[in-house]
Amino acid sequence: MDATPSYSSDVAFTPSVKALQTRKGSRHSYGRMEERGSWETRITPDLAGFIEAQTSVFLATANNEGQPYIQHRGGPAGFLRVLDDRTIGFVDFSGNRQYITQGNLADNPKAYLFLIDYAQRRRIKIWGEARVVEGDTGLTARLMPEGYKARPEQVILFTVAAWDSNCPQHIPQRFEAADVAAALAERDKRIGELEAEIERLTEAKARASA
């Protein structure tokens, strides 16, 4: 008997998930997706650009009893660095010192990244494995955002197994405060320029009528 085909989406579509998809009517469409090549397993240039533009990420891990934990990590755009087409790296800054994520990864390397861009209403899900690198000053310096005032403690390297993007349904559109401030400043500048132009034309008209 031939072995059952293995798809990259099997990282999430377990037999139990597929059984539910069958019962609820979505298995056929996902089966066709699998036949077309399933989910991407490499970081494409488009994904790399998306990753490195983000200022926050949610990292999910689970301990050896299966208890999940989600940790938020943030920094300036570029704090998430694509090192190659399978690896994402970032500095783990000193925080509340609970070390739940690091403890989970010591027992279970499987991990998951969830990235969401509210302005573009786009989200990316990445499955893989992660490991903590301590004491590598060269790697830390390479990944540390320049001028960012945070204390680096260690580095997390994430190896991509598969990734998928979601539709924008139910994602509220929100904008970064800095982007809104920049847009308002540009608007105010343009308004000032138009007011100055109106004043110039008004004065020119008055002189012509004198």
Protein backbone atom coordinates (compact mmCIF):
# COMPACT_ATOMS: atom_id res chain seq x y z
CA MET A 1 0.00 0.00 0.00
CA ASP A 2 1.30 3.45 -0.91
CA ALA A 3 2.09 5.79 1.94
CA THR A 4 -0.29 8.63 2.55
CA PRO A 5 1.05 11.82 0.92
CA SER A 6 2.59 14.28 3.35
CA TYR A 7 1.89 17.97 2.84
CA SER A 8 3.43 20.99 4.52
CA SER A 9 -0.03 21.94 5.82
CA ASP A 10 -0.07 18.69 7.79
CA VAL A 11 1.81 20.64 10.47
CA ALA A 12 -1.63 22.05 11.30
CA PHE A 13 -4.06 19.74 9.49
CA THR A 14 -3.84 16.68 11.73
CA PRO A 15 -6.12 13.68 11.08
CA SER A 16 -8.56 15.09 13.65
CA VAL A 17 -8.57 18.46 11.88
CA LYS A 18 -9.09 16.82 8.51
CA ALA A 19 -11.96 14.77 9.91
CA LEU A 20 -13.63 17.96 11.09
CA GLN A 21 -13.01 19.61 7.73
CA THR A 22 -14.72 16.66 6.08
CA ARG A 23 -17.70 16.80 8.43
CA LYS A 24 -18.07 20.56 8.07
CA GLY A 25 -17.59 20.63 4.31
CA SER A 26 -14.22 22.33 3.77
CA ARG A 27 -11.95 19.31 3.20
CA HIS A 28 -12.48 19.29 -0.57
CA SER A 29 -11.15 22.84 -1.03
CA TYR A 30 -8.20 22.21 1.29
CA GLY A 31 -7.51 18.94 -0.50
CA ARG A 32 -7.24 20.83 -3.77
CA MET A 33 -4.89 23.31 -2.06
CA GLU A 34 -2.69 20.40 -1.00
CA GLU A 35 -2.63 19.02 -4.53
CA ARG A 36 -1.49 22.40 -5.85
CA GLY A 37 1.53 22.30 -3.57
CA SER A 38 0.12 23.07 -0.12
CA TRP A 39 1.63 25.86 2.01
CA GLU A 40 4.92 27.58 1.36
CA THR A 41 7.90 26.20 3.25
CA ARG A 42 10.41 28.89 2.33
CA ILE A 43 10.48 32.60 3.08
CA THR A 44 9.69 34.42 -0.14
CA PRO A 45 10.92 37.97 -0.83
CA ASP A 46 7.37 39.27 -0.25
CA LEU A 47 7.13 37.51 3.10
CA ALA A 48 10.61 38.72 4.08
CA GLY A 49 9.53 42.30 3.44
CA PHE A 50 6.39 41.80 5.49
CA ILE A 51 8.30 40.26 8.40
CA GLU A 52 10.95 42.96 8.56
CA ALA A 53 8.34 45.75 8.44
CA GLN A 54 6.59 44.54 11.59
CA THR A 55 6.98 46.18 15.00
CA SER A 56 5.46 43.31 16.99
CA VAL A 57 4.97 39.58 16.85
CA PHE A 58 3.20 36.90 18.88
CA LEU A 59 5.28 33.79 19.63
CA ALA A 60 3.41 30.67 20.72
CA THR A 61 5.03 27.70 22.44
CA ALA A 62 3.82 24.76 24.50
CA ASN A 63 5.35 22.85 27.37
CA ASN A 64 5.82 19.09 27.43
CA GLU A 65 2.30 18.66 28.83
CA GLY A 66 0.81 20.53 25.86
CA GLN A 67 -0.07 23.68 27.79
CA PRO A 68 0.22 26.60 25.32
CA TYR A 69 1.70 30.01 26.02
CA ILE A 70 1.71 33.12 23.83
CA GLN A 71 4.31 35.83 24.30
CA HIS A 72 4.30 39.24 22.64
CA ARG A 73 7.57 40.65 21.41
CA GLY A 74 8.07 44.10 19.91
CA GLY A 75 10.66 46.56 18.69
CA PRO A 76 11.35 48.97 15.86
CA ALA A 77 10.69 47.87 12.29
CA GLY A 78 13.51 45.47 11.39
CA PHE A 79 13.85 43.91 14.84
CA LEU A 80 12.62 40.71 13.18
CA ARG A 81 15.40 39.73 10.79
CA VAL A 82 15.22 37.21 7.96
CA LEU A 83 18.59 35.42 8.03
CA ASP A 84 17.90 33.05 5.14
CA ASP A 85 14.89 31.52 3.39
CA ARG A 86 14.15 29.26 6.36
CA THR A 87 15.34 31.29 9.38
CA ILE A 88 14.03 34.30 11.30
CA GLY A 89 16.06 35.75 14.14
CA PHE A 90 15.45 38.41 16.75
CA VAL A 91 16.92 39.65 20.01
CA ASP A 92 14.97 38.64 23.09
CA PHE A 93 15.06 41.74 25.28
CA SER A 94 15.07 41.55 29.05
CA GLY A 95 11.50 41.55 30.37
CA ASN A 96 9.53 40.17 33.30
CA ARG A 97 11.99 37.28 33.76
CA GLN A 98 9.35 34.56 33.93
CA TYR A 99 11.20 32.58 31.20
CA ILE A 100 8.10 30.59 30.24
CA THR A 101 8.91 30.67 26.52
CA GLN A 102 12.51 29.60 27.09
CA GLY A 103 11.45 26.82 29.43
CA ASN A 104 8.85 25.59 26.96
CA LEU A 105 11.40 25.55 24.14
CA ALA A 106 13.81 23.55 26.32
CA ASP A 107 11.15 20.82 26.50
CA ASN A 108 9.41 21.28 23.15
CA PRO A 109 11.03 23.16 20.25
CA LYS A 110 7.83 23.44 18.23
CA ALA A 111 6.72 27.05 17.95
CA TYR A 112 4.44 29.37 15.99
CA LEU A 113 4.63 33.00 14.93
CA PHE A 114 1.58 35.16 14.34
CA LEU A 115 2.12 38.48 12.59
CA ILE A 116 -0.63 40.99 11.89
CA ASP A 117 -0.56 44.26 9.98
CA TYR A 118 -3.67 46.18 10.98
CA ALA A 119 -3.13 49.01 8.49
CA GLN A 120 -3.03 46.60 5.54
CA ARG A 121 -5.44 44.13 7.20
CA ARG A 122 -3.09 41.22 6.60
CA ARG A 123 -1.98 38.42 8.88
CA ILE A 124 0.63 35.70 8.46
CA LYS A 125 0.85 32.40 10.34
CA ILE A 126 4.22 30.63 10.53
CA TRP A 127 4.78 27.14 11.96
CA GLY A 128 8.22 25.82 12.83
CA GLU A 129 10.72 25.29 15.60
CA ALA A 130 12.60 27.78 17.74
CA ARG A 131 15.69 27.76 19.88
CA VAL A 132 17.28 30.19 22.30
CA VAL A 133 20.90 31.23 21.76
CA GLU A 134 22.64 32.62 24.84
CA GLY A 135 26.05 34.22 25.05
CA ASP A 136 26.63 34.78 21.31
CA THR A 137 27.69 38.43 21.37
CA GLY A 138 28.34 38.53 17.63
CA LEU A 139 24.88 37.28 16.72
CA THR A 140 23.29 39.56 19.31
CA ALA A 141 25.11 42.58 17.90
CA ARG A 142 24.07 41.60 14.38
CA LEU A 143 20.39 41.40 15.32
CA MET A 144 20.18 44.25 17.84
CA PRO A 145 18.26 47.22 16.37
CA GLU A 146 20.57 50.20 16.12
CA GLY A 147 19.90 52.87 18.72
CA TYR A 148 17.07 50.92 20.36
CA LYS A 149 17.03 51.42 24.13
CA ALA A 150 16.44 47.90 25.42
CA ARG A 151 18.70 45.42 27.15
CA PRO A 152 19.42 42.35 25.02
CA GLU A 153 19.36 39.10 26.95
CA GLN A 154 19.56 36.40 24.30
CA VAL A 155 18.58 35.58 20.73
CA ILE A 156 15.72 33.48 19.41
CA LEU A 157 16.16 31.70 16.09
CA PHE A 158 13.01 30.41 14.40
CA THR A 159 13.20 27.76 11.66
CA VAL A 160 10.23 27.84 9.30
CA ALA A 161 8.36 24.61 8.51
CA ALA A 162 5.34 26.13 6.75
CA TRP A 163 3.45 29.40 6.49
CA ASP A 164 0.10 30.65 5.33
CA SER A 165 -1.72 33.96 5.02
CA ASN A 166 -5.30 34.63 6.08
CA CYS A 167 -8.05 36.63 4.47
CA PRO A 168 -8.65 40.12 5.94
CA GLN A 169 -12.12 39.25 7.23
CA HIS A 170 -12.77 40.59 10.75
CA ILE A 171 -9.37 42.35 11.00
CA PRO A 172 -10.09 45.92 12.17
CA GLN A 173 -8.14 48.53 10.25
CA ARG A 174 -5.86 50.43 12.61
CA PHE A 175 -2.88 52.67 12.07
CA GLU A 176 0.33 53.26 14.00
CA ALA A 177 0.32 56.52 15.96
CA ALA A 178 3.58 57.60 14.32
CA ASP A 179 2.11 57.04 10.84
CA VAL A 180 -1.01 59.03 11.73
CA ALA A 181 1.12 61.86 13.15
CA ALA A 182 3.23 61.93 9.98
CA ALA A 183 0.11 62.01 7.77
CA LEU A 184 -1.38 64.86 9.81
CA ALA A 185 1.87 66.80 9.67
CA GLU A 186 1.96 66.41 5.90
CA ARG A 187 -1.67 67.54 5.68
CA ASP A 188 -0.99 70.60 7.84
CA LYS A 189 2.04 71.46 5.71
CA ARG A 190 -0.06 71.26 2.56
CA ILE A 191 -2.80 73.39 4.12
CA GLY A 192 -0.19 76.02 5.02
CA GLU A 193 1.14 76.03 1.48
CA LEU A 194 -2.37 76.46 0.03
CA GLU A 195 -3.20 79.27 2.46
CA ALA A 196 0.01 81.06 1.51
CA GLU A 197 -0.85 80.64 -2.17
CA ILE A 198 -4.37 82.02 -1.63
CA GLU A 199 -2.91 85.00 0.23
CA ARG A 200 -0.43 85.64 -2.62
CA LEU A 201 -3.15 85.47 -5.26
CA THR A 202 -5.43 87.73 -3.23
CA GLU A 203 -2.70 90.33 -2.86
CA ALA A 204 -1.88 90.11 -6.58
CA LYS A 205 -5.55 90.60 -7.48
CA ALA A 206 -5.79 93.60 -5.15
CA ARG A 207 -2.73 95.20 -6.75
CA ALA A 208 -4.12 94.61 -10.23
CA SER A 209 -7.42 96.27 -9.27
CA ALA A 210 -5.76 99.36 -7.70
